Amino acid sequence: MRLQGLYGYFARNLRGKKGQSGFTLIELLVVVTILGVLAAIVTLSLVGLTTNAQAKACQQEYKTVQAGLDAYMANNNLDAVAAADNTNGYPNGTASMATSANGGTGPIALYNPNSSASSPTYVRNTPTQFAYVWNSTGRITGIAQAPGGPAVPSGCAAAP
């Protein structure tokens, strides 16, 4: 009984003037405008998330390569390593190591696809997404764009 009364109320009050039913043009425009504004807000927030994610991925890869250098030095009981910089022919660090002139090797083999107990791998994959330059103490001093790789996102830099 109560539902019939509610139905009758809606039937009487939701009809437009002169018996018309439906939405007016103004109502439709207002709804479309609101949806457009909401879509713009969501899109802009997602763009910021992807930029932040790229910077975080770069920082994580930097930490992985630095941990690989540290593990290499600890495993070989070294206090100094061959620098990957201008001093020994690798001006772009790991990016220079990928050239055919040096057979894809560098002063330190951080990645070994056929690792063993005597010749381990120190990073999980290669080539890395970015190019790294390190000094003779094994500290990464610079991150650059690797050949064919993405640009280094803002907010990704080697720790001082």
Protein backbone atom coordinates (compact mmCIF):
# COMPACT_ATOMS: atom_id res chain seq x y z
CA MET A 1 0.00 0.00 0.00
CA ARG A 2 2.75 2.39 0.94
CA LEU A 3 4.70 1.67 -2.31
CA GLN A 4 1.69 2.57 -4.39
CA GLY A 5 1.51 5.92 -2.62
CA LEU A 6 5.25 6.53 -3.23
CA TYR A 7 4.89 5.56 -6.88
CA GLY A 8 1.98 7.94 -7.29
CA TYR A 9 3.98 10.77 -5.68
CA PHE A 10 6.88 10.27 -8.10
CA ALA A 11 4.57 9.92 -11.08
CA ARG A 12 2.92 13.24 -10.24
CA ASN A 13 6.05 15.22 -9.34
CA LEU A 14 8.64 13.97 -11.81
CA ARG A 15 6.69 14.93 -14.89
CA GLY A 16 7.69 18.13 -16.55
CA LYS A 17 5.35 20.92 -17.40
CA LYS A 18 2.51 20.13 -19.77
CA GLY A 19 2.97 16.40 -19.28
CA GLN A 20 6.49 16.23 -20.70
CA SER A 21 8.89 13.66 -19.30
CA GLY A 22 12.70 13.59 -19.57
CA PHE A 23 15.52 16.00 -18.90
CA THR A 24 15.87 19.53 -20.14
CA LEU A 25 18.85 20.63 -22.20
CA ILE A 26 20.20 22.69 -19.30
CA GLU A 27 20.12 19.69 -16.95
CA LEU A 28 22.00 17.56 -19.47
CA LEU A 29 24.64 20.25 -20.01
CA VAL A 30 25.20 20.62 -16.28
CA VAL A 31 25.70 16.86 -15.87
CA VAL A 32 28.09 16.65 -18.83
CA THR A 33 30.10 19.61 -17.51
CA ILE A 34 30.43 18.06 -14.06
CA LEU A 35 31.55 14.74 -15.57
CA GLY A 36 34.12 16.56 -17.73
CA VAL A 37 35.58 18.35 -14.71
CA LEU A 38 35.81 15.09 -12.76
CA ALA A 39 37.49 13.32 -15.70
CA ALA A 40 40.06 16.13 -15.96
CA ILE A 41 40.87 15.90 -12.25
CA VAL A 42 41.35 12.12 -12.42
CA THR A 43 43.51 12.33 -15.56
CA LEU A 44 45.80 14.97 -14.08
CA SER A 45 46.27 13.00 -10.89
CA LEU A 46 47.18 9.85 -12.85
CA VAL A 47 49.82 11.71 -14.87
CA GLY A 48 51.49 12.76 -11.64
CA LEU A 49 51.45 9.18 -10.37
CA THR A 50 53.27 7.79 -13.42
CA THR A 51 55.96 10.46 -13.23
CA ASN A 52 56.50 9.69 -9.57
CA ALA A 53 56.60 5.96 -10.31
CA GLN A 54 59.32 6.44 -12.94
CA ALA A 55 61.47 8.38 -10.47
CA LYS A 56 60.97 5.68 -7.83
CA ALA A 57 61.92 2.95 -10.34
CA CYS A 58 65.07 4.88 -11.24
CA GLN A 59 66.02 5.26 -7.57
CA GLN A 60 65.42 1.54 -6.99
CA GLU A 61 67.60 0.56 -9.92
CA TYR A 62 70.32 2.92 -8.65
CA LYS A 63 70.19 1.20 -5.25
CA THR A 64 70.39 -2.22 -6.93
CA VAL A 65 73.45 -1.29 -8.99
CA GLN A 66 75.10 0.31 -5.94
CA ALA A 67 74.39 -2.84 -3.90
CA GLY A 68 75.91 -4.89 -6.74
CA LEU A 69 79.08 -2.78 -6.66
CA ASP A 70 79.25 -3.14 -2.88
CA ALA A 71 78.74 -6.91 -3.11
CA TYR A 72 81.44 -7.18 -5.80
CA MET A 73 83.90 -5.30 -3.61
CA ALA A 74 83.03 -7.36 -0.51
CA ASN A 75 83.16 -10.68 -2.38
CA ASN A 76 86.59 -9.86 -3.81
CA ASN A 77 87.85 -8.17 -0.62
CA LEU A 78 88.58 -4.88 -2.40
CA ASP A 79 88.90 -1.33 -1.11
CA ALA A 80 89.03 0.19 -4.60
CA VAL A 81 87.70 -0.75 -8.03
CA ALA A 82 88.30 0.39 -11.59
CA ALA A 83 86.26 3.53 -12.08
CA ALA A 84 83.61 3.67 -14.77
CA ASP A 85 84.27 7.24 -15.88
CA ASN A 86 86.57 9.33 -18.09
CA THR A 87 89.71 8.04 -16.35
CA ASN A 88 89.62 4.63 -18.05
CA GLY A 89 87.73 5.06 -21.29
CA TYR A 90 84.14 4.77 -20.06
CA PRO A 91 82.99 8.40 -20.23
CA ASN A 92 79.33 7.40 -19.98
CA GLY A 93 79.81 4.70 -17.38
CA THR A 94 77.78 1.58 -18.00
CA ALA A 95 76.46 3.04 -21.28
CA SER A 96 80.01 2.92 -22.70
CA MET A 97 80.34 -0.70 -21.63
CA ALA A 98 77.57 -1.81 -23.99
CA THR A 99 79.50 -0.86 -27.14
CA SER A 100 80.91 -3.47 -29.50
CA ALA A 101 84.39 -1.92 -29.20
CA ASN A 102 84.84 -3.38 -25.73
CA GLY A 103 82.75 -6.51 -26.22
CA GLY A 104 80.01 -5.33 -23.90
CA THR A 105 82.24 -5.59 -20.86
CA GLY A 106 83.46 -2.97 -18.47
CA PRO A 107 85.87 -2.65 -15.59
CA ILE A 108 83.49 -4.69 -13.40
CA ALA A 109 81.25 -7.54 -14.54
CA LEU A 110 78.17 -6.94 -12.39
CA TYR A 111 76.00 -9.31 -14.40
CA ASN A 112 76.97 -12.86 -15.26
CA PRO A 113 74.31 -14.87 -17.12
CA ASN A 114 76.18 -18.10 -16.28
CA SER A 115 76.83 -17.39 -12.63
CA SER A 116 78.52 -19.88 -10.34
CA ALA A 117 80.01 -19.91 -6.85
CA SER A 118 83.33 -18.65 -8.19
CA SER A 119 81.80 -16.15 -10.65
CA PRO A 120 78.51 -14.81 -9.20
CA THR A 121 76.16 -12.23 -10.62
CA TYR A 122 75.76 -9.05 -8.58
CA VAL A 123 72.69 -7.51 -10.22
CA ARG A 124 69.58 -9.36 -11.29
CA ASN A 125 69.35 -8.20 -14.89
CA THR A 126 71.26 -6.39 -17.58
CA PRO A 127 71.40 -4.09 -19.37
CA THR A 128 70.13 -1.67 -16.81
CA GLN A 129 67.58 0.93 -17.80
CA PHE A 130 69.97 3.81 -17.13
CA ALA A 131 73.73 4.35 -17.39
CA TYR A 132 75.80 4.67 -14.21
CA VAL A 133 79.19 6.28 -13.59
CA TRP A 134 81.15 5.36 -10.48
CA ASN A 135 84.47 6.36 -8.94
CA SER A 136 87.36 4.20 -7.76
CA THR A 137 85.81 3.76 -4.31
CA GLY A 138 82.79 2.08 -5.86
CA ARG A 139 80.33 4.94 -5.29
CA ILE A 140 77.95 5.84 -8.10
CA THR A 141 78.51 9.48 -8.96
CA GLY A 142 76.15 9.94 -11.88
CA ILE A 143 73.08 8.57 -13.65
CA ALA A 144 72.58 9.20 -17.35
CA GLN A 145 70.37 8.05 -20.20
CA ALA A 146 71.46 4.68 -21.57
CA PRO A 147 71.63 4.22 -25.35
CA GLY A 148 68.09 3.50 -26.51
CA GLY A 149 66.80 3.83 -22.97
CA PRO A 150 64.38 6.28 -21.38
CA ALA A 151 65.42 9.69 -20.17
CA VAL A 152 66.37 9.93 -16.52
CA PRO A 153 63.27 11.23 -14.72
CA SER A 154 63.53 14.33 -12.59
CA GLY A 155 63.99 13.40 -8.96
CA CYS A 156 66.41 10.56 -9.76
CA ALA A 157 70.01 11.29 -8.92
CA ALA A 158 72.97 9.54 -7.36
CA ALA A 159 73.19 10.00 -3.61
CA PRO A 160 75.97 12.39 -2.57
